[in-house]
N, C-alpha and C. Protein backbone atom coordinates (compact mmCIF):
# COMPACT_ATOMS: atom_id res chain seq x y z
N UNK A 1 -23.84 33.64 17.99
CA UNK A 1 -23.21 33.16 16.78
C UNK A 1 -22.25 32.03 17.13
N UNK A 2 -22.12 31.08 16.25
CA UNK A 2 -21.21 29.95 16.45
C UNK A 2 -20.22 29.87 15.31
N UNK A 3 -19.24 29.01 15.48
CA UNK A 3 -18.27 28.75 14.42
C UNK A 3 -18.80 27.66 13.50
N UNK A 4 -18.26 27.60 12.31
CA UNK A 4 -18.58 26.54 11.35
C UNK A 4 -17.28 25.96 10.83
N UNK A 5 -17.27 24.68 10.56
CA UNK A 5 -16.06 24.06 10.02
C UNK A 5 -15.89 24.51 8.58
N UNK A 6 -14.74 25.09 8.30
CA UNK A 6 -14.42 25.53 6.95
C UNK A 6 -13.78 24.40 6.17
N UNK A 7 -12.81 23.74 6.80
CA UNK A 7 -12.16 22.59 6.17
C UNK A 7 -11.47 21.78 7.26
N UNK A 8 -11.12 20.57 6.91
CA UNK A 8 -10.34 19.70 7.77
C UNK A 8 -8.95 19.65 7.17
N UNK A 9 -7.93 19.79 8.00
CA UNK A 9 -6.55 19.80 7.52
C UNK A 9 -5.87 18.48 7.81
N UNK A 10 -5.17 17.97 6.82
CA UNK A 10 -4.36 16.76 6.97
C UNK A 10 -2.94 17.11 6.55
N UNK A 11 -1.97 16.81 7.41
CA UNK A 11 -0.56 17.02 7.07
C UNK A 11 -0.05 15.83 6.26
N UNK A 12 0.86 16.10 5.32
CA UNK A 12 1.39 15.02 4.48
C UNK A 12 2.74 15.38 3.87
N UNK A 13 3.58 14.37 3.69
CA UNK A 13 4.81 14.55 2.91
C UNK A 13 4.49 14.74 1.44
N UNK A 14 3.53 13.98 0.96
CA UNK A 14 3.13 14.01 -0.45
C UNK A 14 1.65 14.40 -0.51
N UNK A 15 1.35 15.71 -0.46
CA UNK A 15 -0.04 16.15 -0.40
C UNK A 15 -0.91 15.64 -1.55
N UNK A 16 -0.38 15.59 -2.73
CA UNK A 16 -1.19 15.15 -3.87
C UNK A 16 -1.59 13.69 -3.72
N UNK A 17 -0.68 12.84 -3.28
CA UNK A 17 -0.98 11.41 -3.09
C UNK A 17 -2.07 11.22 -2.03
N UNK A 18 -1.96 11.93 -0.92
CA UNK A 18 -2.95 11.82 0.15
C UNK A 18 -4.29 12.41 -0.31
N UNK A 19 -4.24 13.55 -1.01
CA UNK A 19 -5.47 14.16 -1.52
C UNK A 19 -6.17 13.25 -2.52
N UNK A 20 -5.40 12.63 -3.40
CA UNK A 20 -6.00 11.70 -4.38
C UNK A 20 -6.65 10.52 -3.68
N UNK A 21 -6.02 9.99 -2.62
CA UNK A 21 -6.61 8.89 -1.87
C UNK A 21 -7.95 9.31 -1.28
N UNK A 22 -7.97 10.44 -0.56
CA UNK A 22 -9.20 10.87 0.10
C UNK A 22 -10.28 11.26 -0.90
N UNK A 23 -9.90 11.86 -2.02
CA UNK A 23 -10.89 12.21 -3.05
C UNK A 23 -11.54 10.93 -3.59
N UNK A 24 -10.74 9.90 -3.85
CA UNK A 24 -11.30 8.63 -4.34
C UNK A 24 -12.12 7.95 -3.26
N UNK A 25 -11.65 7.97 -2.03
CA UNK A 25 -12.37 7.32 -0.93
C UNK A 25 -13.74 7.94 -0.71
N UNK A 26 -13.82 9.27 -0.82
CA UNK A 26 -15.06 9.99 -0.52
C UNK A 26 -15.89 10.32 -1.76
N UNK A 27 -15.39 10.02 -2.95
CA UNK A 27 -16.11 10.38 -4.17
C UNK A 27 -16.08 11.88 -4.42
N UNK A 28 -15.01 12.52 -3.98
CA UNK A 28 -14.85 13.97 -4.13
C UNK A 28 -13.91 14.28 -5.29
N UNK A 29 -13.64 15.56 -5.49
CA UNK A 29 -12.75 16.02 -6.55
C UNK A 29 -11.70 16.94 -5.95
N UNK A 30 -10.59 17.08 -6.68
CA UNK A 30 -9.58 18.07 -6.31
C UNK A 30 -10.10 19.44 -6.72
N UNK A 31 -10.22 20.34 -5.76
CA UNK A 31 -10.76 21.68 -6.02
C UNK A 31 -9.67 22.69 -6.29
N UNK A 32 -8.51 22.48 -5.68
CA UNK A 32 -7.44 23.46 -5.78
C UNK A 32 -6.11 22.75 -5.59
N UNK A 33 -5.16 23.01 -6.47
CA UNK A 33 -3.85 22.40 -6.39
C UNK A 33 -2.81 23.40 -6.89
N UNK A 34 -2.57 24.46 -6.10
CA UNK A 34 -1.63 25.49 -6.55
C UNK A 34 -0.18 25.07 -6.44
N UNK A 35 0.35 24.54 -7.50
CA UNK A 35 1.77 24.19 -7.57
C UNK A 35 2.24 23.28 -6.45
N UNK A 36 1.45 22.25 -6.14
CA UNK A 36 1.83 21.24 -5.17
C UNK A 36 1.95 21.76 -3.73
N UNK A 37 1.42 22.93 -3.43
CA UNK A 37 1.37 23.38 -2.03
C UNK A 37 0.17 22.70 -1.39
N UNK A 38 -0.74 23.42 -0.84
CA UNK A 38 -1.95 22.85 -0.24
C UNK A 38 -2.84 22.31 -1.35
N UNK A 39 -3.30 21.07 -1.21
CA UNK A 39 -4.21 20.48 -2.17
C UNK A 39 -5.57 20.40 -1.49
N UNK A 40 -6.56 21.07 -2.05
CA UNK A 40 -7.91 21.10 -1.48
C UNK A 40 -8.82 20.16 -2.24
N UNK A 41 -9.58 19.35 -1.48
CA UNK A 41 -10.56 18.45 -2.09
C UNK A 41 -11.91 18.67 -1.42
N UNK A 42 -12.96 18.29 -2.12
CA UNK A 42 -14.30 18.39 -1.56
C UNK A 42 -15.32 17.90 -2.55
N UNK A 43 -16.61 17.95 -2.15
CA UNK A 43 -17.66 17.58 -3.09
C UNK A 43 -17.63 18.53 -4.29
N UNK A 44 -17.93 18.01 -5.46
CA UNK A 44 -17.89 18.83 -6.67
C UNK A 44 -18.82 20.04 -6.58
N UNK A 45 -19.92 19.89 -5.85
CA UNK A 45 -20.87 21.00 -5.74
C UNK A 45 -20.56 21.93 -4.56
N UNK A 46 -19.48 21.68 -3.83
CA UNK A 46 -19.10 22.54 -2.72
C UNK A 46 -20.06 22.48 -1.54
N UNK A 47 -20.82 21.39 -1.42
CA UNK A 47 -21.89 21.32 -0.43
C UNK A 47 -21.44 21.06 1.00
N UNK A 48 -20.21 20.71 1.22
CA UNK A 48 -19.77 20.39 2.59
C UNK A 48 -18.36 20.94 2.80
N UNK A 49 -17.94 21.03 4.05
CA UNK A 49 -16.53 21.40 4.28
C UNK A 49 -15.63 20.41 3.58
N UNK A 50 -14.54 20.88 3.07
CA UNK A 50 -13.61 20.02 2.37
C UNK A 50 -12.42 19.66 3.23
N UNK A 51 -11.43 19.08 2.59
CA UNK A 51 -10.18 18.70 3.24
C UNK A 51 -9.05 19.43 2.53
N UNK A 52 -8.19 20.06 3.32
CA UNK A 52 -6.96 20.67 2.80
C UNK A 52 -5.80 19.77 3.20
N UNK A 53 -5.03 19.31 2.23
CA UNK A 53 -3.86 18.48 2.52
C UNK A 53 -2.64 19.39 2.40
N UNK A 54 -1.93 19.49 3.53
CA UNK A 54 -0.88 20.50 3.69
C UNK A 54 0.49 19.83 3.75
N UNK A 55 1.46 20.34 2.97
CA UNK A 55 2.79 19.73 3.02
C UNK A 55 3.51 20.03 4.34
N UNK A 56 4.12 19.00 4.91
CA UNK A 56 4.93 19.15 6.11
C UNK A 56 6.22 18.35 5.93
N UNK A 57 7.30 18.77 6.57
CA UNK A 57 8.58 18.07 6.40
C UNK A 57 8.72 16.83 7.28
N UNK A 58 8.01 16.77 8.40
CA UNK A 58 8.21 15.66 9.33
C UNK A 58 7.21 14.54 9.11
N UNK A 59 7.61 13.34 9.48
CA UNK A 59 6.75 12.17 9.33
C UNK A 59 5.79 12.07 10.51
N UNK A 60 4.67 11.42 10.29
CA UNK A 60 3.72 11.16 11.37
C UNK A 60 4.39 10.21 12.34
N UNK A 61 4.23 10.48 13.66
CA UNK A 61 4.94 9.64 14.62
C UNK A 61 4.06 9.03 15.70
N UNK A 62 2.87 9.53 15.92
CA UNK A 62 2.00 8.97 16.95
C UNK A 62 0.58 8.89 16.42
N UNK A 63 -0.28 8.21 17.19
CA UNK A 63 -1.69 8.07 16.83
C UNK A 63 -2.33 9.45 16.70
N UNK A 64 -3.21 9.60 15.70
CA UNK A 64 -3.94 10.86 15.53
C UNK A 64 -4.77 11.18 16.75
N UNK A 65 -4.87 12.45 17.10
CA UNK A 65 -5.75 12.88 18.18
C UNK A 65 -7.16 13.15 17.63
N UNK A 66 -7.28 13.30 16.34
CA UNK A 66 -8.55 13.53 15.66
C UNK A 66 -8.55 12.63 14.44
N UNK A 67 -9.68 11.96 14.18
CA UNK A 67 -9.73 11.11 13.00
C UNK A 67 -11.13 11.16 12.41
N UNK A 68 -11.24 10.67 11.19
CA UNK A 68 -12.52 10.61 10.50
C UNK A 68 -13.14 9.23 10.71
N UNK A 69 -14.46 9.19 10.87
CA UNK A 69 -15.24 7.96 10.88
C UNK A 69 -16.06 7.93 9.61
N UNK A 70 -15.88 6.89 8.80
CA UNK A 70 -16.60 6.75 7.54
C UNK A 70 -17.68 5.70 7.69
N UNK A 71 -18.78 5.89 6.97
CA UNK A 71 -19.84 4.89 6.88
C UNK A 71 -19.83 4.31 5.47
N UNK A 72 -20.10 3.04 5.38
CA UNK A 72 -20.22 2.39 4.07
C UNK A 72 -21.63 2.63 3.57
N UNK A 73 -21.81 3.57 2.68
CA UNK A 73 -23.13 3.87 2.13
C UNK A 73 -23.31 3.13 0.81
N UNK A 74 -24.32 2.26 0.77
CA UNK A 74 -24.61 1.51 -0.44
C UNK A 74 -23.83 0.21 -0.56
N UNK A 75 -23.06 -0.13 0.47
CA UNK A 75 -22.34 -1.41 0.46
C UNK A 75 -22.17 -1.86 1.91
N UNK A 76 -21.58 -3.02 2.07
CA UNK A 76 -21.33 -3.50 3.42
C UNK A 76 -20.02 -2.91 3.95
N UNK A 77 -19.83 -3.02 5.24
CA UNK A 77 -18.58 -2.57 5.84
C UNK A 77 -17.40 -3.32 5.22
N UNK A 78 -17.53 -4.63 5.06
CA UNK A 78 -16.44 -5.43 4.50
C UNK A 78 -16.11 -5.01 3.06
N UNK A 79 -17.14 -4.74 2.26
CA UNK A 79 -16.91 -4.29 0.88
C UNK A 79 -16.21 -2.94 0.87
N UNK A 80 -16.62 -2.05 1.76
CA UNK A 80 -16.00 -0.73 1.81
C UNK A 80 -14.55 -0.82 2.27
N UNK A 81 -14.27 -1.65 3.26
CA UNK A 81 -12.89 -1.84 3.71
C UNK A 81 -12.05 -2.37 2.56
N UNK A 82 -12.54 -3.35 1.82
CA UNK A 82 -11.81 -3.88 0.67
C UNK A 82 -11.55 -2.80 -0.37
N UNK A 83 -12.55 -1.95 -0.63
CA UNK A 83 -12.39 -0.87 -1.62
C UNK A 83 -11.31 0.11 -1.16
N UNK A 84 -11.34 0.48 0.11
CA UNK A 84 -10.36 1.43 0.63
C UNK A 84 -8.95 0.84 0.66
N UNK A 85 -8.84 -0.44 0.97
CA UNK A 85 -7.54 -1.10 0.91
C UNK A 85 -6.99 -1.09 -0.51
N UNK A 86 -7.87 -1.31 -1.49
CA UNK A 86 -7.44 -1.29 -2.90
C UNK A 86 -6.99 0.11 -3.33
N UNK A 87 -7.53 1.15 -2.68
CA UNK A 87 -7.13 2.53 -2.99
C UNK A 87 -5.81 2.91 -2.35
N UNK A 88 -5.30 2.09 -1.41
CA UNK A 88 -4.02 2.38 -0.78
C UNK A 88 -4.06 2.48 0.74
N UNK A 89 -5.21 2.27 1.35
CA UNK A 89 -5.29 2.26 2.80
C UNK A 89 -4.61 0.99 3.32
N UNK A 90 -4.26 1.02 4.60
CA UNK A 90 -3.71 -0.15 5.28
C UNK A 90 -4.46 -0.34 6.59
N UNK A 91 -4.46 -1.56 7.10
CA UNK A 91 -5.08 -1.82 8.40
C UNK A 91 -4.19 -1.21 9.48
N UNK A 92 -4.83 -0.69 10.54
CA UNK A 92 -4.08 -0.04 11.61
C UNK A 92 -4.52 -0.56 12.97
N UNK A 93 -3.58 -0.66 13.88
CA UNK A 93 -3.87 -1.07 15.25
C UNK A 93 -3.60 0.13 16.15
N UNK A 94 -4.66 0.65 16.74
CA UNK A 94 -4.53 1.78 17.66
C UNK A 94 -4.93 1.35 19.08
N UNK A 95 -4.94 0.03 19.29
CA UNK A 95 -5.31 -0.50 20.58
C UNK A 95 -6.75 -0.93 20.69
N UNK A 96 -7.46 -0.94 19.57
CA UNK A 96 -8.86 -1.38 19.60
C UNK A 96 -8.92 -2.87 19.95
N UNK A 97 -9.94 -3.24 20.67
CA UNK A 97 -10.11 -4.63 21.06
C UNK A 97 -10.65 -5.47 19.92
N UNK A 98 -10.70 -6.78 20.11
CA UNK A 98 -11.16 -7.67 19.04
C UNK A 98 -12.67 -7.64 18.83
N UNK A 99 -13.41 -7.08 19.76
CA UNK A 99 -14.88 -7.11 19.67
C UNK A 99 -15.49 -5.79 19.24
N UNK A 100 -14.69 -4.84 18.72
CA UNK A 100 -15.26 -3.57 18.28
C UNK A 100 -16.02 -3.76 16.97
N UNK A 101 -16.95 -2.86 16.69
CA UNK A 101 -17.77 -2.97 15.47
C UNK A 101 -17.22 -2.14 14.32
N UNK A 102 -16.14 -1.46 14.53
CA UNK A 102 -15.54 -0.65 13.47
C UNK A 102 -14.20 -1.25 13.06
N UNK A 103 -13.73 -0.82 11.88
CA UNK A 103 -12.43 -1.25 11.37
C UNK A 103 -11.54 -0.02 11.29
N UNK A 104 -10.33 -0.13 11.85
CA UNK A 104 -9.38 0.98 11.81
C UNK A 104 -8.45 0.78 10.63
N UNK A 105 -8.38 1.81 9.79
CA UNK A 105 -7.48 1.82 8.64
C UNK A 105 -6.62 3.08 8.73
N UNK A 106 -5.62 3.16 7.85
CA UNK A 106 -4.80 4.36 7.74
C UNK A 106 -4.66 4.72 6.27
N UNK A 107 -4.59 6.03 6.00
CA UNK A 107 -4.40 6.49 4.63
C UNK A 107 -2.96 6.21 4.20
N UNK A 108 -2.56 6.55 2.97
CA UNK A 108 -1.22 6.21 2.50
C UNK A 108 -0.06 6.78 3.33
N UNK A 109 -0.32 7.78 4.17
CA UNK A 109 0.75 8.31 5.02
C UNK A 109 0.54 8.00 6.50
N UNK A 110 -0.39 7.08 6.79
CA UNK A 110 -0.54 6.61 8.15
C UNK A 110 -1.57 7.31 9.01
N UNK A 111 -2.34 8.24 8.45
CA UNK A 111 -3.39 8.91 9.22
C UNK A 111 -4.56 7.96 9.41
N UNK A 112 -4.86 7.63 10.68
CA UNK A 112 -5.89 6.64 10.97
C UNK A 112 -7.29 7.19 10.73
N UNK A 113 -8.19 6.27 10.35
CA UNK A 113 -9.61 6.56 10.24
C UNK A 113 -10.35 5.25 10.46
N UNK A 114 -11.65 5.36 10.75
CA UNK A 114 -12.45 4.17 11.02
C UNK A 114 -13.54 4.00 9.98
N UNK A 115 -13.88 2.76 9.71
CA UNK A 115 -15.02 2.43 8.86
C UNK A 115 -16.06 1.80 9.78
N UNK A 116 -17.18 2.48 9.90
CA UNK A 116 -18.23 2.04 10.80
C UNK A 116 -19.06 0.94 10.17
N UNK A 117 -19.75 0.19 11.01
CA UNK A 117 -20.54 -0.93 10.54
C UNK A 117 -21.86 -0.51 9.93
N UNK A 118 -22.48 0.56 10.44
CA UNK A 118 -23.81 0.95 9.97
C UNK A 118 -23.73 1.91 8.79
N UNK A 119 -24.52 1.66 7.76
CA UNK A 119 -24.58 2.54 6.59
C UNK A 119 -25.55 3.68 6.85
N UNK A 120 -25.50 4.69 6.03
CA UNK A 120 -26.45 5.81 6.13
C UNK A 120 -27.87 5.31 5.93
N UNK A 121 -28.04 4.34 5.04
CA UNK A 121 -29.36 3.80 4.79
C UNK A 121 -29.91 3.10 6.05
N UNK A 122 -29.05 2.37 6.74
CA UNK A 122 -29.48 1.69 7.96
C UNK A 122 -29.79 2.68 9.07
N UNK A 123 -28.98 3.72 9.20
CA UNK A 123 -29.23 4.75 10.21
C UNK A 123 -30.57 5.42 9.94
N UNK A 124 -30.87 5.75 8.67
CA UNK A 124 -32.14 6.39 8.32
C UNK A 124 -33.31 5.46 8.59
N UNK A 125 -33.15 4.18 8.27
CA UNK A 125 -34.23 3.22 8.51
C UNK A 125 -34.51 3.07 10.01
N UNK A 126 -33.46 3.05 10.81
CA UNK A 126 -33.61 2.92 12.25
C UNK A 126 -34.26 4.17 12.84
N UNK A 127 -33.96 5.33 12.28
CA UNK A 127 -34.54 6.59 12.75
C UNK A 127 -36.02 6.67 12.42
N UNK A 128 -36.43 6.01 11.32
CA UNK A 128 -37.83 6.05 10.87
C UNK A 128 -38.73 5.06 11.56
N UNK A 129 -38.20 4.28 12.47
CA UNK A 129 -39.02 3.28 13.15
C UNK A 129 -40.12 3.90 13.94
């Protein structure tokens, strides 16, 4: 028997703000918001592990040891980066070189994530060769 991911946890000063960002970024919905404690988001149909945004008193101070990699599905990497920036993301420098194929962004509280160059459609097409 193995373990399965139940949810991904993100710490935040303002859990609702961070949850709203990630729900909009991923096309998900808020599943649970019990009086501003943990805010849970995920696909409306519950088909995948969700994200729990947990209130914490301290600010983020160093680079994340774990981060999400997003693919731009149905658009280009540049279009997806622009969309995420409009939702409240910011560009982040974690020491990546100038020739990398991904873009590093941070959510409204500074949690880094990457936007990859290849879309799901491109990955599927390459696999079908």
